[in-house]
Amino acid sequence: MNVSYAFKCRGLTPEQESEVGRAMVAHELLIDRGYLNDRLNCTPFPNRTKPALSIIKCLLEKAERHIITRYELVNRDGHDPTTVVNVLRKLEAGRAITQFGVLANGRKLYRVFPPNRVILEEILRG
């Protein structure tokens, strides 16, 4: 069955759908995904700019049980709002900070636990 034709048709029979699924799985198995390994050709945090590193240093200076908000990093610590949003998003994805909760207005609360501190220190070391 021609796979490109199958996606142009709206009503596939179960047999056609199954055949398309098998073709897709066979295609996916051929793709090398070694580049997705988190320890291969990458660093824990790709954007090692001065503002990003200063935010990370600021996070490390916070006490163990301290709850961190974007508001605090922007208004009290004087970091750029866009940079704070991007850095927190990337740090959360990289398990360098932990989302602790969400306020009623949608603002996220973060904490830095001991395993997170190890990752943050690794980022600072470069």
PDB file of N, CA and C in Angstrom:
ATOM      1  N   MET A   1       0.839  -1.182   0.000  1.00  0.00           N
ATOM      2  CA  MET A   1       0.000   0.000   0.000  1.00  0.00           C
ATOM      3  C   MET A   1       0.883   1.244   0.000  1.00  0.00           C
ATOM      4  N   ASN A   2       0.527   2.239  -0.766  1.00  0.00           N
ATOM      5  CA  ASN A   2       1.255   3.501  -0.813  1.00  0.00           C
ATOM      6  C   ASN A   2       0.857   4.334   0.408  1.00  0.00           C
ATOM      7  N   VAL A   3       1.831   4.579   1.313  1.00  0.00           N
ATOM      8  CA  VAL A   3       1.541   5.275   2.566  1.00  0.00           C
ATOM      9  C   VAL A   3       1.095   6.703   2.317  1.00  0.00           C
ATOM     10  N   SER A   4       1.703   7.390   1.370  1.00  0.00           N
ATOM     11  CA  SER A   4       1.316   8.780   1.117  1.00  0.00           C
ATOM     12  C   SER A   4      -0.136   8.859   0.639  1.00  0.00           C
ATOM     13  N   TYR A   5      -0.594   7.842  -0.089  1.00  0.00           N
ATOM     14  CA  TYR A   5      -1.983   7.803  -0.538  1.00  0.00           C
ATOM     15  C   TYR A   5      -2.929   7.603   0.648  1.00  0.00           C
ATOM     16  N   ALA A   6      -2.512   6.799   1.611  1.00  0.00           N
ATOM     17  CA  ALA A   6      -3.375   6.485   2.751  1.00  0.00           C
ATOM     18  C   ALA A   6      -3.733   7.731   3.541  1.00  0.00           C
ATOM     19  N   PHE A   7      -2.801   8.661   3.654  1.00  0.00           N
ATOM     20  CA  PHE A   7      -3.072   9.855   4.446  1.00  0.00           C
ATOM     21  C   PHE A   7      -3.947  10.859   3.707  1.00  0.00           C
ATOM     22  N   LYS A   8      -4.133  10.670   2.426  1.00  0.00           N
ATOM     23  CA  LYS A   8      -5.018  11.547   1.672  1.00  0.00           C
ATOM     24  C   LYS A   8      -6.464  11.060   1.746  1.00  0.00           C
ATOM     25  N   CYS A   9      -6.649   9.818   2.139  1.00  0.00           N
ATOM     26  CA  CYS A   9      -7.993   9.236   2.233  1.00  0.00           C
ATOM     27  C   CYS A   9      -8.546   9.442   3.631  1.00  0.00           C
ATOM     28  N   ARG A  10      -9.827   9.724   3.697  1.00  0.00           N
ATOM     29  CA  ARG A  10     -10.444   9.926   5.013  1.00  0.00           C
ATOM     30  C   ARG A  10     -10.883   8.608   5.624  1.00  0.00           C
ATOM     31  N   GLY A  11     -11.509   7.778   4.882  1.00  0.00           N
ATOM     32  CA  GLY A  11     -12.068   6.547   5.439  1.00  0.00           C
ATOM     33  C   GLY A  11     -11.201   5.342   5.142  1.00  0.00           C
ATOM     34  N   LEU A  12     -10.331   5.010   6.057  1.00  0.00           N
ATOM     35  CA  LEU A  12      -9.498   3.823   5.889  1.00  0.00           C
ATOM     36  C   LEU A  12     -10.203   2.624   6.510  1.00  0.00           C
ATOM     37  N   THR A  13     -10.070   1.511   5.856  1.00  0.00           N
ATOM     38  CA  THR A  13     -10.597   0.287   6.452  1.00  0.00           C
ATOM     39  C   THR A  13      -9.648  -0.132   7.567  1.00  0.00           C
ATOM     40  N   PRO A  14     -10.088  -0.961   8.489  1.00  0.00           N
ATOM     41  CA  PRO A  14      -9.192  -1.416   9.557  1.00  0.00           C
ATOM     42  C   PRO A  14      -7.920  -2.084   9.022  1.00  0.00           C
ATOM     43  N   GLU A  15      -8.049  -2.815   7.916  1.00  0.00           N
ATOM     44  CA  GLU A  15      -6.875  -3.474   7.331  1.00  0.00           C
ATOM     45  C   GLU A  15      -5.883  -2.438   6.798  1.00  0.00           C
ATOM     46  N   GLN A  16      -6.410  -1.408   6.121  1.00  0.00           N
ATOM     47  CA  GLN A  16      -5.541  -0.355   5.599  1.00  0.00           C
ATOM     48  C   GLN A  16      -4.875   0.414   6.741  1.00  0.00           C
ATOM     49  N   GLU A  17      -5.645   0.697   7.769  1.00  0.00           N
ATOM     50  CA  GLU A  17      -5.104   1.416   8.914  1.00  0.00           C
ATOM     51  C   GLU A  17      -3.997   0.603   9.587  1.00  0.00           C
ATOM     52  N   SER A  18      -4.214  -0.686   9.701  1.00  0.00           N
ATOM     53  CA  SER A  18      -3.211  -1.572  10.293  1.00  0.00           C
ATOM     54  C   SER A  18      -1.952  -1.608   9.435  1.00  0.00           C
ATOM     55  N   GLU A  19      -2.130  -1.648   8.134  1.00  0.00           N
ATOM     56  CA  GLU A  19      -0.984  -1.672   7.220  1.00  0.00           C
ATOM     57  C   GLU A  19      -0.192  -0.364   7.296  1.00  0.00           C
ATOM     58  N   VAL A  20      -0.894   0.751   7.372  1.00  0.00           N
ATOM     59  CA  VAL A  20      -0.230   2.048   7.519  1.00  0.00           C
ATOM     60  C   VAL A  20       0.544   2.083   8.836  1.00  0.00           C
ATOM     61  N   GLY A  21      -0.058   1.584   9.902  1.00  0.00           N
ATOM     62  CA  GLY A  21       0.613   1.546  11.201  1.00  0.00           C
ATOM     63  C   GLY A  21       1.886   0.730  11.154  1.00  0.00           C
ATOM     64  N   ARG A  22       1.832  -0.443  10.521  1.00  0.00           N
ATOM     65  CA  ARG A  22       3.041  -1.279  10.392  1.00  0.00           C
ATOM     66  C   ARG A  22       4.112  -0.575   9.576  1.00  0.00           C
ATOM     67  N   ALA A  23       3.703   0.112   8.517  1.00  0.00           N
ATOM     68  CA  ALA A  23       4.673   0.836   7.684  1.00  0.00           C
ATOM     69  C   ALA A  23       5.318   1.973   8.471  1.00  0.00           C
ATOM     70  N   MET A  24       4.525   2.645   9.290  1.00  0.00           N
ATOM     71  CA  MET A  24       5.074   3.745  10.091  1.00  0.00           C
ATOM     72  C   MET A  24       6.061   3.223  11.134  1.00  0.00           C
ATOM     73  N   VAL A  25       5.720   2.122  11.788  1.00  0.00           N
ATOM     74  CA  VAL A  25       6.623   1.545  12.787  1.00  0.00           C
ATOM     75  C   VAL A  25       7.918   1.090  12.124  1.00  0.00           C
ATOM     76  N   ALA A  26       7.816   0.465  10.961  1.00  0.00           N
ATOM     77  CA  ALA A  26       9.015   0.026  10.243  1.00  0.00           C
ATOM     78  C   ALA A  26       9.886   1.223   9.875  1.00  0.00           C
ATOM     79  N   HIS A  27       9.262   2.311   9.468  1.00  0.00           N
ATOM     80  CA  HIS A  27       9.999   3.525   9.123  1.00  0.00           C
ATOM     81  C   HIS A  27      10.675   4.121  10.358  1.00  0.00           C
ATOM     82  N   GLU A  28       9.964   4.179  11.476  1.00  0.00           N
ATOM     83  CA  GLU A  28      10.506   4.756  12.711  1.00  0.00           C
ATOM     84  C   GLU A  28      11.709   3.967  13.221  1.00  0.00           C
ATOM     85  N   LEU A  29      11.705   2.655  13.057  1.00  0.00           N
ATOM     86  CA  LEU A  29      12.813   1.828  13.541  1.00  0.00           C
ATOM     87  C   LEU A  29      14.120   2.137  12.820  1.00  0.00           C
ATOM     88  N   LEU A  30      14.031   2.664  11.605  1.00  0.00           N
ATOM     89  CA  LEU A  30      15.232   2.966  10.823  1.00  0.00           C
ATOM     90  C   LEU A  30      15.888   4.283  11.224  1.00  0.00           C
ATOM     91  N   ILE A  31      15.198   5.108  11.994  1.00  0.00           N
ATOM     92  CA  ILE A  31      15.702   6.433  12.344  1.00  0.00           C
ATOM     93  C   ILE A  31      16.630   6.334  13.548  1.00  0.00           C
ATOM     94  N   ASP A  32      17.831   6.887  13.406  1.00  0.00           N
ATOM     95  CA  ASP A  32      18.802   6.898  14.503  1.00  0.00           C
ATOM     96  C   ASP A  32      18.470   8.057  15.431  1.00  0.00           C
ATOM     97  N   ARG A  33      18.199   7.752  16.668  1.00  0.00           N
ATOM     98  CA  ARG A  33      17.847   8.791  17.635  1.00  0.00           C
ATOM     99  C   ARG A  33      18.915   8.940  18.717  1.00  0.00           C
ATOM    100  N   GLY A  34      20.134   8.594  18.395  1.00  0.00           N
ATOM    101  CA  GLY A  34      21.229   8.712  19.347  1.00  0.00           C
ATOM    102  C   GLY A  34      21.454  10.138  19.805  1.00  0.00           C
ATOM    103  N   TYR A  35      21.143  11.089  18.942  1.00  0.00           N
ATOM    104  CA  TYR A  35      21.337  12.494  19.298  1.00  0.00           C
ATOM    105  C   TYR A  35      20.403  12.940  20.417  1.00  0.00           C
ATOM    106  N   LEU A  36      19.372  12.175  20.714  1.00  0.00           N
ATOM    107  CA  LEU A  36      18.441  12.535  21.775  1.00  0.00           C
ATOM    108  C   LEU A  36      18.931  12.127  23.161  1.00  0.00           C
ATOM    109  N   ASN A  37      20.001  11.351  23.214  1.00  0.00           N
ATOM    110  CA  ASN A  37      20.554  10.943  24.502  1.00  0.00           C
ATOM    111  C   ASN A  37      20.995  12.181  25.256  1.00  0.00           C
ATOM    112  N   ASP A  38      20.558  12.330  26.504  1.00  0.00           N
ATOM    113  CA  ASP A  38      20.840  13.558  27.247  1.00  0.00           C
ATOM    114  C   ASP A  38      22.304  13.716  27.627  1.00  0.00           C
ATOM    115  N   ARG A  39      23.112  12.695  27.456  1.00  0.00           N
ATOM    116  CA  ARG A  39      24.535  12.805  27.781  1.00  0.00           C
ATOM    117  C   ARG A  39      25.415  12.840  26.525  1.00  0.00           C
ATOM    118  N   LEU A  40      24.819  12.839  25.358  1.00  0.00           N
ATOM    119  CA  LEU A  40      25.581  12.797  24.119  1.00  0.00           C
ATOM    120  C   LEU A  40      25.547  14.152  23.420  1.00  0.00           C
ATOM    121  N   ASN A  41      26.694  14.730  23.200  1.00  0.00           N
ATOM    122  CA  ASN A  41      26.825  15.982  22.449  1.00  0.00           C
ATOM    123  C   ASN A  41      25.982  17.122  23.012  1.00  0.00           C
ATOM    124  N   CYS A  42      25.826  17.181  24.302  1.00  0.00           N
ATOM    125  CA  CYS A  42      25.077  18.294  24.865  1.00  0.00           C
ATOM    126  C   CYS A  42      25.573  18.576  26.276  1.00  0.00           C
ATOM    127  N   THR A  43      25.220  19.729  26.744  1.00  0.00           N
ATOM    128  CA  THR A  43      25.542  20.105  28.114  1.00  0.00           C
ATOM    129  C   THR A  43      24.236  20.150  28.885  1.00  0.00           C
ATOM    130  N   PRO A  44      24.277  20.172  30.212  1.00  0.00           N
ATOM    131  CA  PRO A  44      23.036  20.186  30.970  1.00  0.00           C
ATOM    132  C   PRO A  44      22.158  21.395  30.668  1.00  0.00           C
ATOM    133  N   PHE A  45      22.762  22.480  30.266  1.00  0.00           N
ATOM    134  CA  PHE A  45      21.989  23.689  29.975  1.00  0.00           C
ATOM    135  C   PHE A  45      22.653  24.393  28.802  1.00  0.00           C
ATOM    136  N   PRO A  46      22.010  24.426  27.643  1.00  0.00           N
ATOM    137  CA  PRO A  46      22.675  24.929  26.439  1.00  0.00           C
ATOM    138  C   PRO A  46      22.927  26.435  26.412  1.00  0.00           C
ATOM    139  N   ASN A  47      22.073  27.226  27.044  1.00  0.00           N
ATOM    140  CA  ASN A  47      22.192  28.681  26.967  1.00  0.00           C
ATOM    141  C   ASN A  47      22.987  29.210  28.152  1.00  0.00           C
ATOM    142  N   ARG A  48      24.280  29.256  28.009  1.00  0.00           N
ATOM    143  CA  ARG A  48      25.128  29.691  29.115  1.00  0.00           C
ATOM    144  C   ARG A  48      25.451  31.170  28.969  1.00  0.00           C
ATOM    145  N   THR A  49      24.415  31.992  28.883  1.00  0.00           N
ATOM    146  CA  THR A  49      24.611  33.434  28.785  1.00  0.00           C
ATOM    147  C   THR A  49      24.781  34.004  30.189  1.00  0.00           C
ATOM    148  N   LYS A  50      25.303  35.228  30.260  1.00  0.00           N
ATOM    149  CA  LYS A  50      25.498  35.868  31.568  1.00  0.00           C
ATOM    150  C   LYS A  50      24.189  35.984  32.352  1.00  0.00           C
ATOM    151  N   PRO A  51      23.095  36.465  31.721  1.00  0.00           N
ATOM    152  CA  PRO A  51      21.839  36.568  32.474  1.00  0.00           C
ATOM    153  C   PRO A  51      21.335  35.211  32.974  1.00  0.00           C
ATOM    154  N   ALA A  52      21.445  34.177  32.125  1.00  0.00           N
ATOM    155  CA  ALA A  52      20.981  32.846  32.534  1.00  0.00           C
ATOM    156  C   ALA A  52      21.805  32.326  33.703  1.00  0.00           C
ATOM    157  N   LEU A  53      23.108  32.499  33.632  1.00  0.00           N
ATOM    158  CA  LEU A  53      23.973  32.029  34.716  1.00  0.00           C
ATOM    159  C   LEU A  53      23.727  32.808  36.006  1.00  0.00           C
ATOM    160  N   SER A  54      23.419  34.101  35.886  1.00  0.00           N
ATOM    161  CA  SER A  54      23.143  34.873  37.106  1.00  0.00           C
ATOM    162  C   SER A  54      21.824  34.426  37.743  1.00  0.00           C
ATOM    163  N   ILE A  55      20.845  34.034  36.931  1.00  0.00           N
ATOM    164  CA  ILE A  55      19.589  33.500  37.473  1.00  0.00           C
ATOM    165  C   ILE A  55      19.857  32.176  38.187  1.00  0.00           C
ATOM    166  N   ILE A  56      20.689  31.339  37.588  1.00  0.00           N
ATOM    167  CA  ILE A  56      21.022  30.050  38.200  1.00  0.00           C
ATOM    168  C   ILE A  56      21.752  30.262  39.525  1.00  0.00           C
ATOM    169  N   LYS A  57      22.686  31.212  39.549  1.00  0.00           N
ATOM    170  CA  LYS A  57      23.389  31.524  40.806  1.00  0.00           C
ATOM    171  C   LYS A  57      22.402  32.003  41.860  1.00  0.00           C
ATOM    172  N   CYS A  58      21.467  32.826  41.441  1.00  0.00           N
ATOM    173  CA  CYS A  58      20.445  33.349  42.350  1.00  0.00           C
ATOM    174  C   CYS A  58      19.601  32.203  42.919  1.00  0.00           C
ATOM    175  N   LEU A  59      19.261  31.225  42.084  1.00  0.00           N
ATOM    176  CA  LEU A  59      18.480  30.077  42.544  1.00  0.00           C
ATOM    177  C   LEU A  59      19.263  29.251  43.556  1.00  0.00           C
ATOM    178  N   LEU A  60      20.558  29.104  43.312  1.00  0.00           N
ATOM    179  CA  LEU A  60      21.392  28.330  44.235  1.00  0.00           C
ATOM    180  C   LEU A  60      21.543  29.014  45.591  1.00  0.00           C
ATOM    181  N   GLU A  61      21.457  30.329  45.604  1.00  0.00           N
ATOM    182  CA  GLU A  61      21.603  31.073  46.857  1.00  0.00           C
ATOM    183  C   GLU A  61      20.354  31.009  47.732  1.00  0.00           C
ATOM    184  N   LYS A  62      19.240  30.597  47.153  1.00  0.00           N
ATOM    185  CA  LYS A  62      17.992  30.522  47.926  1.00  0.00           C
ATOM    186  C   LYS A  62      18.084  29.375  48.935  1.00  0.00           C
ATOM    187  N   ALA A  63      17.415  29.532  50.068  1.00  0.00           N
ATOM    188  CA  ALA A  63      17.408  28.500  51.108  1.00  0.00           C
ATOM    189  C   ALA A  63      16.688  27.250  50.616  1.00  0.00           C
ATOM    190  N   GLU A  64      16.947  26.149  51.281  1.00  0.00           N
ATOM    191  CA  GLU A  64      16.417  24.838  50.885  1.00  0.00           C
ATOM    192  C   GLU A  64      14.890  24.814  50.747  1.00  0.00           C
ATOM    193  N   ARG A  65      14.161  25.367  51.676  1.00  0.00           N
ATOM    194  CA  ARG A  65      12.699  25.302  51.647  1.00  0.00           C
ATOM    195  C   ARG A  65      12.052  26.545  51.033  1.00  0.00           C
ATOM    196  N   HIS A  66      12.852  27.415  50.474  1.00  0.00           N
ATOM    197  CA  HIS A  66      12.344  28.665  49.909  1.00  0.00           C
ATOM    198  C   HIS A  66      11.540  28.385  48.640  1.00  0.00           C
ATOM    199  N   ILE A  67      10.365  28.995  48.536  1.00  0.00           N
ATOM    200  CA  ILE A  67       9.535  28.856  47.336  1.00  0.00           C
ATOM    201  C   ILE A  67       9.882  30.000  46.393  1.00  0.00           C
ATOM    202  N   ILE A  68      10.171  29.652  45.155  1.00  0.00           N
ATOM    203  CA  ILE A  68      10.645  30.613  44.160  1.00  0.00           C
ATOM    204  C   ILE A  68       9.517  30.911  43.175  1.00  0.00           C
ATOM    205  N   THR A  69       9.342  32.193  42.857  1.00  0.00           N
ATOM    206  CA  THR A  69       8.364  32.604  41.847  1.00  0.00           C
ATOM    207  C   THR A  69       9.068  33.458  40.792  1.00  0.00           C
ATOM    208  N   ARG A  70       8.451  33.551  39.626  1.00  0.00           N
ATOM    209  CA  ARG A  70       8.998  34.433  38.585  1.00  0.00           C
ATOM    210  C   ARG A  70       8.991  35.874  39.069  1.00  0.00           C
ATOM    211  N   TYR A  71       7.924  36.233  39.773  1.00  0.00           N
ATOM    212  CA  TYR A  71       7.790  37.598  40.293  1.00  0.00           C
ATOM    213  C   TYR A  71       9.006  37.970  41.130  1.00  0.00           C
ATOM    214  N   GLU A  72       9.392  37.079  41.988  1.00  0.00           N
ATOM    215  CA  GLU A  72      10.541  37.324  42.865  1.00  0.00           C
ATOM    216  C   GLU A  72      11.823  37.523  42.057  1.00  0.00           C
ATOM    217  N   LEU A  73      12.038  36.682  41.063  1.00  0.00           N
ATOM    218  CA  LEU A  73      13.261  36.781  40.262  1.00  0.00           C
ATOM    219  C   LEU A  73      13.293  38.058  39.432  1.00  0.00           C
ATOM    220  N   VAL A  74      12.129  38.508  38.984  1.00  0.00           N
ATOM    221  CA  VAL A  74      12.071  39.715  38.150  1.00  0.00           C
ATOM    222  C   VAL A  74      12.110  40.973  39.009  1.00  0.00           C
ATOM    223  N   ASN A  75      11.225  41.064  39.984  1.00  0.00           N
ATOM    224  CA  ASN A  75      11.078  42.313  40.745  1.00  0.00           C
ATOM    225  C   ASN A  75      12.075  42.481  41.878  1.00  0.00           C
ATOM    226  N   ARG A  76      12.345  41.425  42.616  1.00  0.00           N
ATOM    227  CA  ARG A  76      13.272  41.566  43.745  1.00  0.00           C
ATOM    228  C   ARG A  76      14.719  41.429  43.319  1.00  0.00           C
ATOM    229  N   ASP A  77      14.968  40.505  42.385  1.00  0.00           N
ATOM    230  CA  ASP A  77      16.350  40.241  41.983  1.00  0.00           C
ATOM    231  C   ASP A  77      16.748  40.977  40.708  1.00  0.00           C
ATOM    232  N   GLY A  78      15.786  41.611  40.025  1.00  0.00           N
ATOM    233  CA  GLY A  78      16.075  42.481  38.893  1.00  0.00           C
ATOM    234  C   GLY A  78      16.436  41.817  37.581  1.00  0.00           C
ATOM    235  N   HIS A  79      15.976  40.589  37.360  1.00  0.00           N
ATOM    236  CA  HIS A  79      16.269  39.907  36.099  1.00  0.00           C
ATOM    237  C   HIS A  79      15.218  40.256  35.050  1.00  0.00           C
ATOM    238  N   ASP A  80      15.589  40.127  33.771  1.00  0.00           N
ATOM    239  CA  ASP A  80      14.682  40.398  32.660  1.00  0.00           C
ATOM    240  C   ASP A  80      13.536  39.379  32.658  1.00  0.00           C
ATOM    241  N   PRO A  81      12.276  39.826  32.531  1.00  0.00           N
ATOM    242  CA  PRO A  81      11.132  38.898  32.588  1.00  0.00           C
ATOM    243  C   PRO A  81      11.182  37.784  31.547  1.00  0.00           C
ATOM    244  N   THR A  82      11.521  38.123  30.305  1.00  0.00           N
ATOM    245  CA  THR A  82      11.571  37.111  29.251  1.00  0.00           C
ATOM    246  C   THR A  82      12.659  36.089  29.533  1.00  0.00           C
ATOM    247  N   THR A  83      13.807  36.563  29.974  1.00  0.00           N
ATOM    248  CA  THR A  83      14.907  35.657  30.289  1.00  0.00           C
ATOM    249  C   THR A  83      14.523  34.733  31.436  1.00  0.00           C
ATOM    250  N   VAL A  84      13.857  35.275  32.445  1.00  0.00           N
ATOM    251  CA  VAL A  84      13.437  34.460  33.590  1.00  0.00           C
ATOM    252  C   VAL A  84      12.495  33.350  33.136  1.00  0.00           C
ATOM    253  N   VAL A  85      11.507  33.690  32.314  1.00  0.00           N
ATOM    254  CA  VAL A  85      10.547  32.693  31.832  1.00  0.00           C
ATOM    255  C   VAL A  85      11.272  31.590  31.069  1.00  0.00           C
ATOM    256  N   ASN A  86      12.153  31.976  30.144  1.00  0.00           N
ATOM    257  CA  ASN A  86      12.860  30.984  29.334  1.00  0.00           C
ATOM    258  C   ASN A  86      13.795  30.119  30.167  1.00  0.00           C
ATOM    259  N   VAL A  87      14.528  30.734  31.081  1.00  0.00           N
ATOM    260  CA  VAL A  87      15.469  29.970  31.907  1.00  0.00           C
ATOM    261  C   VAL A  87      14.715  29.002  32.818  1.00  0.00           C
ATOM    262  N   LEU A  88      13.645  29.456  33.460  1.00  0.00           N
ATOM    263  CA  LEU A  88      12.880  28.564  34.338  1.00  0.00           C
ATOM    264  C   LEU A  88      12.280  27.398  33.559  1.00  0.00           C
ATOM    265  N   ARG A  89      11.777  27.681  32.361  1.00  0.00           N
ATOM    266  CA  ARG A  89      11.198  26.612  31.531  1.00  0.00           C
ATOM    267  C   ARG A  89      12.256  25.564  31.196  1.00  0.00           C
ATOM    268  N   LYS A  90      13.450  26.025  30.809  1.00  0.00           N
ATOM    269  CA  LYS A  90      14.520  25.091  30.442  1.00  0.00           C
ATOM    270  C   LYS A  90      15.059  24.348  31.659  1.00  0.00           C
ATOM    271  N   LEU A  91      15.159  25.039  32.781  1.00  0.00           N
ATOM    272  CA  LEU A  91      15.636  24.380  33.996  1.00  0.00           C
ATOM    273  C   LEU A  91      14.641  23.326  34.475  1.00  0.00           C
ATOM    274  N   GLU A  92      13.360  23.624  34.350  1.00  0.00           N
ATOM    275  CA  GLU A  92      12.349  22.641  34.746  1.00  0.00           C
ATOM    276  C   GLU A  92      12.409  21.416  33.836  1.00  0.00           C
ATOM    277  N   ALA A  93      12.564  21.645  32.538  1.00  0.00           N
ATOM    278  CA  ALA A  93      12.663  20.530  31.593  1.00  0.00           C
ATOM    279  C   ALA A  93      13.913  19.696  31.858  1.00  0.00           C
ATOM    280  N   GLY A  94      14.979  20.345  32.307  1.00  0.00           N
ATOM    281  CA  GLY A  94      16.229  19.640  32.588  1.00  0.00           C
ATOM    282  C   GLY A  94      16.337  19.138  34.014  1.00  0.00           C
ATOM    283  N   ARG A  95      15.254  19.189  34.770  1.00  0.00           N
ATOM    284  CA  ARG A  95      15.186  18.714  36.150  1.00  0.00           C
ATOM    285  C   ARG A  95      16.156  19.446  37.077  1.00  0.00           C
ATOM    286  N   ALA A  96      16.441  20.709  36.763  1.00  0.00           N
ATOM    287  CA  ALA A  96      17.317  21.508  37.615  1.00  0.00           C
ATOM    288  C   ALA A  96      16.520  22.291  38.656  1.00  0.00           C
ATOM    289  N   ILE A  97      15.222  22.407  38.455  1.00  0.00           N
ATOM    290  CA  ILE A  97      14.314  22.950  39.471  1.00  0.00           C
ATOM    291  C   ILE A  97      13.052  22.090  39.440  1.00  0.00           C
ATOM    292  N   THR A  98      12.287  22.154  40.507  1.00  0.00           N
ATOM    293  CA  THR A  98      11.074  21.347  40.600  1.00  0.00           C
ATOM    294  C   THR A  98       9.878  22.265  40.784  1.00  0.00           C
ATOM    295  N   GLN A  99       8.864  22.054  39.931  1.00  0.00           N
ATOM    296  CA  GLN A  99       7.638  22.832  40.104  1.00  0.00           C
ATOM    297  C   GLN A  99       6.934  22.311  41.351  1.00  0.00           C
ATOM    298  N   PHE A 100       6.662  23.210  42.259  1.00  0.00           N
ATOM    299  CA  PHE A 100       6.123  22.850  43.568  1.00  0.00           C
ATOM    300  C   PHE A 100       4.608  23.003  43.612  1.00  0.00           C
ATOM    301  N   GLY A 101       4.070  23.870  42.782  1.00  0.00           N
ATOM    302  CA  GLY A 101       2.631  24.099  42.771  1.00  0.00           C
ATOM    303  C   GLY A 101       2.275  25.204  41.801  1.00  0.00           C
ATOM    304  N   VAL A 102       0.976  25.475  41.698  1.00  0.00           N
ATOM    305  CA  VAL A 102       0.475  26.538  40.826  1.00  0.00           C
ATOM    306  C   VAL A 102      -0.542  27.347  41.622  1.00  0.00           C
ATOM    307  N   LEU A 103      -0.400  28.659  41.587  1.00  0.00           N
ATOM    308  CA  LEU A 103      -1.349  29.535  42.270  1.00  0.00           C
ATOM    309  C   LEU A 103      -2.657  29.606  41.491  1.00  0.00           C
ATOM    310  N   ALA A 104      -3.688  30.161  42.089  1.00  0.00           N
ATOM    311  CA  ALA A 104      -4.993  30.286  41.438  1.00  0.00           C
ATOM    312  C   ALA A 104      -4.914  31.118  40.165  1.00  0.00           C
ATOM    313  N   ASN A 105      -3.982  32.072  40.112  1.00  0.00           N
ATOM    314  CA  ASN A 105      -3.842  32.911  38.921  1.00  0.00           C
ATOM    315  C   ASN A 105      -2.974  32.262  37.841  1.00  0.00           C
ATOM    316  N   GLY A 106      -2.525  31.032  38.064  1.00  0.00           N
ATOM    317  CA  GLY A 106      -1.745  30.312  37.062  1.00  0.00           C
ATOM    318  C   GLY A 106      -0.241  30.432  37.226  1.00  0.00           C
ATOM    319  N   ARG A 107       0.216  31.240  38.160  1.00  0.00           N
ATOM    320  CA  ARG A 107       1.659  31.385  38.374  1.00  0.00           C
ATOM    321  C   ARG A 107       2.224  30.124  39.014  1.00  0.00           C
ATOM    322  N   LYS A 108       3.371  29.712  38.497  1.00  0.00           N
ATOM    323  CA  LYS A 108       4.009  28.495  38.995  1.00  0.00           C
ATOM    324  C   LYS A 108       4.921  28.800  40.175  1.00  0.00           C
ATOM    325  N   LEU A 109       4.981  27.851  41.085  1.00  0.00           N
ATOM    326  CA  LEU A 109       5.868  27.939  42.238  1.00  0.00           C
ATOM    327  C   LEU A 109       6.947  26.875  42.079  1.00  0.00           C
ATOM    328  N   TYR A 110       8.184  27.239  42.357  1.00  0.00           N
ATOM    329  CA  TYR A 110       9.306  26.323  42.194  1.00  0.00           C
ATOM    330  C   TYR A 110      10.067  26.178  43.499  1.00  0.00           C
ATOM    331  N   ARG A 111      10.754  25.057  43.616  1.00  0.00           N
ATOM    332  CA  ARG A 111      11.678  24.820  44.723  1.00  0.00           C
ATOM    333  C   ARG A 111      12.927  24.169  44.165  1.00  0.00           C
ATOM    334  N   VAL A 112      14.023  24.373  44.880  1.00  0.00           N
ATOM    335  CA  VAL A 112      15.279  23.729  44.498  1.00  0.00           C
ATOM    336  C   VAL A 112      15.601  22.709  45.586  1.00  0.00           C
ATOM    337  N   PHE A 113      15.482  21.437  45.240  1.00  0.00           N
ATOM    338  CA  PHE A 113      15.779  20.348  46.156  1.00  0.00           C
ATOM    339  C   PHE A 113      17.237  19.919  45.978  1.00  0.00           C
ATOM    340  N   PRO A 114      17.785  19.125  46.901  1.00  0.00           N
ATOM    341  CA  PRO A 114      19.197  18.713  46.776  1.00  0.00           C
ATOM    342  C   PRO A 114      19.576  18.106  45.420  1.00  0.00           C
ATOM    343  N   PRO A 115      18.759  17.197  44.832  1.00  0.00           N
ATOM    344  CA  PRO A 115      19.145  16.683  43.506  1.00  0.00           C
ATOM    345  C   PRO A 115      19.184  17.794  42.443  1.00  0.00           C
ATOM    346  N   ASN A 116      18.290  18.785  42.590  1.00  0.00           N
ATOM    347  CA  ASN A 116      18.292  19.920  41.664  1.00  0.00           C
ATOM    348  C   ASN A 116      19.566  20.734  41.816  1.00  0.00           C
ATOM    349  N   ARG A 117      20.017  20.907  43.044  1.00  0.00           N
ATOM    350  CA  ARG A 117      21.236  21.687  43.302  1.00  0.00           C
ATOM    351  C   ARG A 117      22.448  21.067  42.617  1.00  0.00           C
ATOM    352  N   VAL A 118      22.490  19.745  42.577  1.00  0.00           N
ATOM    353  CA  VAL A 118      23.600  19.055  41.902  1.00  0.00           C
ATOM    354  C   VAL A 118      23.615  19.433  40.424  1.00  0.00           C
ATOM    355  N   ILE A 119      22.448  19.435  39.799  1.00  0.00           N
ATOM    356  CA  ILE A 119      22.352  19.783  38.374  1.00  0.00           C
ATOM    357  C   ILE A 119      22.699  21.250  38.160  1.00  0.00           C
ATOM    358  N   LEU A 120      22.198  22.139  39.021  1.00  0.00           N
ATOM    359  CA  LEU A 120      22.502  23.569  38.891  1.00  0.00           C
ATOM    360  C   LEU A 120      24.002  23.821  39.025  1.00  0.00           C
ATOM    361  N   GLU A 121      24.642  23.147  39.970  1.00  0.00           N
ATOM    362  CA  GLU A 121      26.090  23.312  40.142  1.00  0.00           C
ATOM    363  C   GLU A 121      26.849  22.787  38.930  1.00  0.00           C
ATOM    364  N   GLU A 122      26.353  21.703  38.348  1.00  0.00           N
ATOM    365  CA  GLU A 122      26.974  21.149  37.139  1.00  0.00           C
ATOM    366  C   GLU A 122      26.859  22.144  35.981  1.00  0.00           C
ATOM    367  N   ILE A 123      25.721  22.817  35.888  1.00  0.00           N
ATOM    368  CA  ILE A 123      25.533  23.827  34.841  1.00  0.00           C
ATOM    369  C   ILE A 123      26.517  24.973  35.037  1.00  0.00           C
ATOM    370  N   LEU A 124      26.672  25.428  36.266  1.00  0.00           N
ATOM    371  CA  LEU A 124      27.587  26.541  36.532  1.00  0.00           C
ATOM    372  C   LEU A 124      29.040  26.172  36.249  1.00  0.00           C
ATOM    373  N   ARG A 125      29.391  24.915  36.527  1.00  0.00           N
ATOM    374  CA  ARG A 125      30.770  24.470  36.244  1.00  0.00           C
ATOM    375  C   ARG A 125      31.033  24.418  34.748  1.00  0.00           C
ATOM    376  N   GLY A 126      29.984  24.146  33.993  1.00  0.00           N
ATOM    377  CA  GLY A 126      30.107  24.124  32.542  1.00  0.00           C
ATOM    378  C   GLY A 126      30.692  22.867  32.061  1.00  0.00           C
TER     379      GLY A 126
END
